[in-house]
C-alpha atoms as a PDB file:
ATOM      1  CA  MET A   1      14.614  15.388  -2.662  1.00  0.00           C
ATOM      2  CA  ASN A   2      15.063  12.050  -0.131  1.00  0.00           C
ATOM      3  CA  ASP A   3      15.138   9.975  -3.400  1.00  0.00           C
ATOM      4  CA  ASN A   4      17.268  11.928  -5.239  1.00  0.00           C
ATOM      5  CA  ARG A   5      14.038  12.916  -7.983  1.00  0.00           C
ATOM      6  CA  LEU A   6      14.454  16.382  -6.856  1.00  0.00           C
ATOM      7  CA  THR A   7      16.801  18.731  -6.082  1.00  0.00           C
ATOM      8  CA  VAL A   8      16.393  22.620  -4.725  1.00  0.00           C
ATOM      9  CA  VAL A   9      18.392  24.890  -6.451  1.00  0.00           C
ATOM     10  CA  GLY A  10      18.071  28.776  -7.470  1.00  0.00           C
ATOM     11  CA  GLU A  11      15.255  30.309  -9.771  1.00  0.00           C
ATOM     12  CA  LYS A  12      17.930  31.236 -12.241  1.00  0.00           C
ATOM     13  CA  GLU A  13      18.930  27.442 -12.300  1.00  0.00           C
ATOM     14  CA  ALA A  14      15.674  25.372 -12.068  1.00  0.00           C
ATOM     15  CA  SER A  15      13.804  23.453 -14.905  1.00  0.00           C
ATOM     16  CA  SER A  16      10.556  23.887 -13.247  1.00  0.00           C
ATOM     17  CA  ILE A  17       9.097  25.898 -10.522  1.00  0.00           C
ATOM     18  CA  LEU A  18       6.424  25.532  -7.833  1.00  0.00           C
ATOM     19  CA  LEU A  19       4.220  28.129  -7.139  1.00  0.00           C
ATOM     20  CA  GLY A  20       1.752  28.389  -4.314  1.00  0.00           C
ATOM     21  CA  THR A  21      -0.530  30.735  -2.393  1.00  0.00           C
ATOM     22  CA  VAL A  22      -2.603  30.234   0.657  1.00  0.00           C
ATOM     23  CA  ARG A  23      -5.945  31.051  -0.930  1.00  0.00           C
ATOM     24  CA  SER A  24      -7.633  30.812   2.808  1.00  0.00           C
ATOM     25  CA  TYR A  25      -7.289  30.002   6.459  1.00  0.00           C
ATOM     26  CA  GLU A  26     -10.033  29.236   8.668  1.00  0.00           C
ATOM     27  CA  ARG A  27     -10.254  28.560  12.302  1.00  0.00           C
ATOM     28  CA  LYS A  28     -13.554  27.332  13.547  1.00  0.00           C
ATOM     29  CA  VAL A  29     -14.907  25.566  17.232  1.00  0.00           C
ATOM     30  CA  PHE A  30     -15.712  21.643  16.330  1.00  0.00           C
ATOM     31  CA  SER A  31     -16.765  21.075  20.013  1.00  0.00           C
ATOM     32  CA  TYR A  32     -17.755  22.642  23.107  1.00  0.00           C
ATOM     33  CA  SER A  33     -18.155  21.232  26.686  1.00  0.00           C
ATOM     34  CA  ALA A  34     -21.270  21.023  28.300  1.00  0.00           C
ATOM     35  CA  GLY A  35     -20.357  24.182  30.063  1.00  0.00           C
ATOM     36  CA  GLU A  36     -19.967  25.956  26.760  1.00  0.00           C
ATOM     37  CA  VAL A  37     -15.868  25.924  26.811  1.00  0.00           C
ATOM     38  CA  VAL A  38     -13.991  25.492  23.424  1.00  0.00           C
ATOM     39  CA  GLN A  39     -12.723  21.611  23.265  1.00  0.00           C
ATOM     40  CA  GLU A  40     -11.807  21.023  19.980  1.00  0.00           C
ATOM     41  CA  TYR A  41     -10.893  23.233  16.961  1.00  0.00           C
ATOM     42  CA  GLU A  42     -11.030  22.800  13.011  1.00  0.00           C
ATOM     43  CA  VAL A  43      -8.120  24.403  11.028  1.00  0.00           C
ATOM     44  CA  THR A  44      -9.248  24.614   7.636  1.00  0.00           C
ATOM     45  CA  ILE A  45      -6.270  25.504   4.748  1.00  0.00           C
ATOM     46  CA  LYS A  46      -7.149  26.336   1.210  1.00  0.00           C
ATOM     47  CA  VAL A  47      -4.311  26.857  -1.536  1.00  0.00           C
ATOM     48  CA  ALA A  48      -3.457  27.147  -5.308  1.00  0.00           C
ATOM     49  CA  VAL A  49      -0.604  25.974  -6.794  1.00  0.00           C
ATOM     50  CA  GLU A  50       0.878  25.964  -9.996  1.00  0.00           C
ATOM     51  CA  PHE A  51       3.751  23.182 -11.368  1.00  0.00           C
ATOM     52  CA  LYS A  52       5.673  24.780 -14.027  1.00  0.00           C
ATOM     53  CA  ASP A  53       8.301  23.863 -16.557  1.00  0.00           C
ATOM     54  CA  VAL A  54      10.680  26.718 -17.118  1.00  0.00           C
ATOM     55  CA  SER A  55      11.790  25.739 -20.624  1.00  0.00           C
ATOM     56  CA  ASN A  56       9.146  26.108 -22.232  1.00  0.00           C
ATOM     57  CA  GLY A  57       6.244  27.663 -20.006  1.00  0.00           C
ATOM     58  CA  ARG A  58       3.891  25.188 -20.094  1.00  0.00           C
ATOM     59  CA  ILE A  59       2.124  24.410 -16.866  1.00  0.00           C
ATOM     60  CA  ILE A  60       2.402  20.983 -16.297  1.00  0.00           C
ATOM     61  CA  TRP A  61      -0.108  20.804 -13.241  1.00  0.00           C
ATOM     62  CA  LYS A  62      -2.150  23.573 -11.748  1.00  0.00           C
ATOM     63  CA  ASP A  63      -5.153  23.376  -9.082  1.00  0.00           C
ATOM     64  CA  ASP A  64      -6.507  26.442  -7.836  1.00  0.00           C
ATOM     65  CA  GLY A  65      -8.442  24.635  -4.907  1.00  0.00           C
ATOM     66  CA  LEU A  66      -6.443  22.122  -2.820  1.00  0.00           C
ATOM     67  CA  VAL A  67      -7.853  21.983   0.981  1.00  0.00           C
ATOM     68  CA  SER A  68      -6.771  20.059   4.112  1.00  0.00           C
ATOM     69  CA  SER A  69      -8.350  20.037   7.428  1.00  0.00           C
ATOM     70  CA  ALA A  70      -7.464  19.095  10.786  1.00  0.00           C
ATOM     71  CA  ARG A  71      -8.783  19.239  14.223  1.00  0.00           C
ATOM     72  CA  TYR A  72      -7.284  19.620  17.395  1.00  0.00           C
ATOM     73  CA  PHE A  73      -8.257  19.731  21.227  1.00  0.00           C
ATOM     74  CA  ALA A  74      -7.528  22.920  22.661  1.00  0.00           C
ATOM     75  CA  VAL A  75      -8.061  21.459  26.187  1.00  0.00           C
ATOM     76  CA  GLU A  76      -6.649  18.204  27.414  1.00  0.00           C
ATOM     77  CA  MET A  77      -9.306  15.236  27.292  1.00  0.00           C
ATOM     78  CA  ALA A  78      -9.563  11.778  27.406  1.00  0.00           C
ATOM     79  CA  GLY A  79      -5.753  10.887  26.937  1.00  0.00           C
ATOM     80  CA  GLN A  80      -5.432  13.617  24.248  1.00  0.00           C
ATOM     81  CA  LYS A  81      -3.086  16.701  25.318  1.00  0.00           C
ATOM     82  CA  ALA A  82      -3.957  19.858  24.718  1.00  0.00           C
ATOM     83  CA  GLN A  83      -2.505  21.666  21.533  1.00  0.00           C
ATOM     84  CA  THR A  84      -1.684  25.093  20.144  1.00  0.00           C
ATOM     85  CA  GLU A  85      -2.955  26.034  16.935  1.00  0.00           C
ATOM     86  CA  GLN A  86       0.383  25.719  15.395  1.00  0.00           C
ATOM     87  CA  GLU A  87       0.653  21.810  16.499  1.00  0.00           C
ATOM     88  CA  GLY A  88      -3.015  21.448  15.742  1.00  0.00           C
ATOM     89  CA  ARG A  89      -2.718  22.876  12.287  1.00  0.00           C
ATOM     90  CA  ALA A  90       0.678  20.897  11.368  1.00  0.00           C
ATOM     91  CA  PRO A  91      -1.514  17.764  10.225  1.00  0.00           C
ATOM     92  CA  ALA A  92      -3.305  19.829   7.286  1.00  0.00           C
ATOM     93  CA  ILE A  93      -0.046  21.065   6.170  1.00  0.00           C
ATOM     94  CA  GLN A  94       1.840  18.066   6.106  1.00  0.00           C
ATOM     95  CA  PHE A  95      -1.393  16.667   4.098  1.00  0.00           C
ATOM     96  CA  LEU A  96      -1.183  19.213   1.232  1.00  0.00           C
ATOM     97  CA  ALA A  97       2.675  19.076   0.880  1.00  0.00           C
ATOM     98  CA  LYS A  98       2.269  15.564   0.695  1.00  0.00           C
ATOM     99  CA  ASP A  99      -0.469  15.930  -2.161  1.00  0.00           C
ATOM    100  CA  ILE A 100       1.540  18.236  -3.908  1.00  0.00           C
ATOM    101  CA  LEU A 101       4.652  16.542  -3.844  1.00  0.00           C
ATOM    102  CA  THR A 102       2.533  13.453  -5.580  1.00  0.00           C
ATOM    103  CA  ARG A 103       1.134  15.190  -8.068  1.00  0.00           C
ATOM    104  CA  THR A 104       4.365  16.906  -9.026  1.00  0.00           C
ATOM    105  CA  VAL A 105       6.502  13.266  -9.171  1.00  0.00           C
ATOM    106  CA  GLU A 106       3.529  11.443 -10.497  1.00  0.00           C
ATOM    107  CA  GLY A 107       3.955  13.604 -13.366  1.00  0.00           C
ATOM    108  CA  TRP A 108       7.439  12.762 -14.698  1.00  0.00           C
END
């Protein structure tokens, strides 16, 4: 949208549609302290995405297994502030969004 290559419109006006589904979301412990307190988590998100040309129904690109992960500290450590799960997963979501955007505009 920033460079005017894409415009968000209603589905009825769209020339193409981007569909996405979260296939899995997992948060697991990545590290513990010596006292067995969780220090760090890793979040992994897997999505399925399809970019489709509405005029002819052709799928421009599709990937059922886009995956992104991010780690975050649950406690303050070595100059790193503690983060919530929502804050910690943001980099994984941003990476997925950038990957999807790149695949979408490269095809044009």
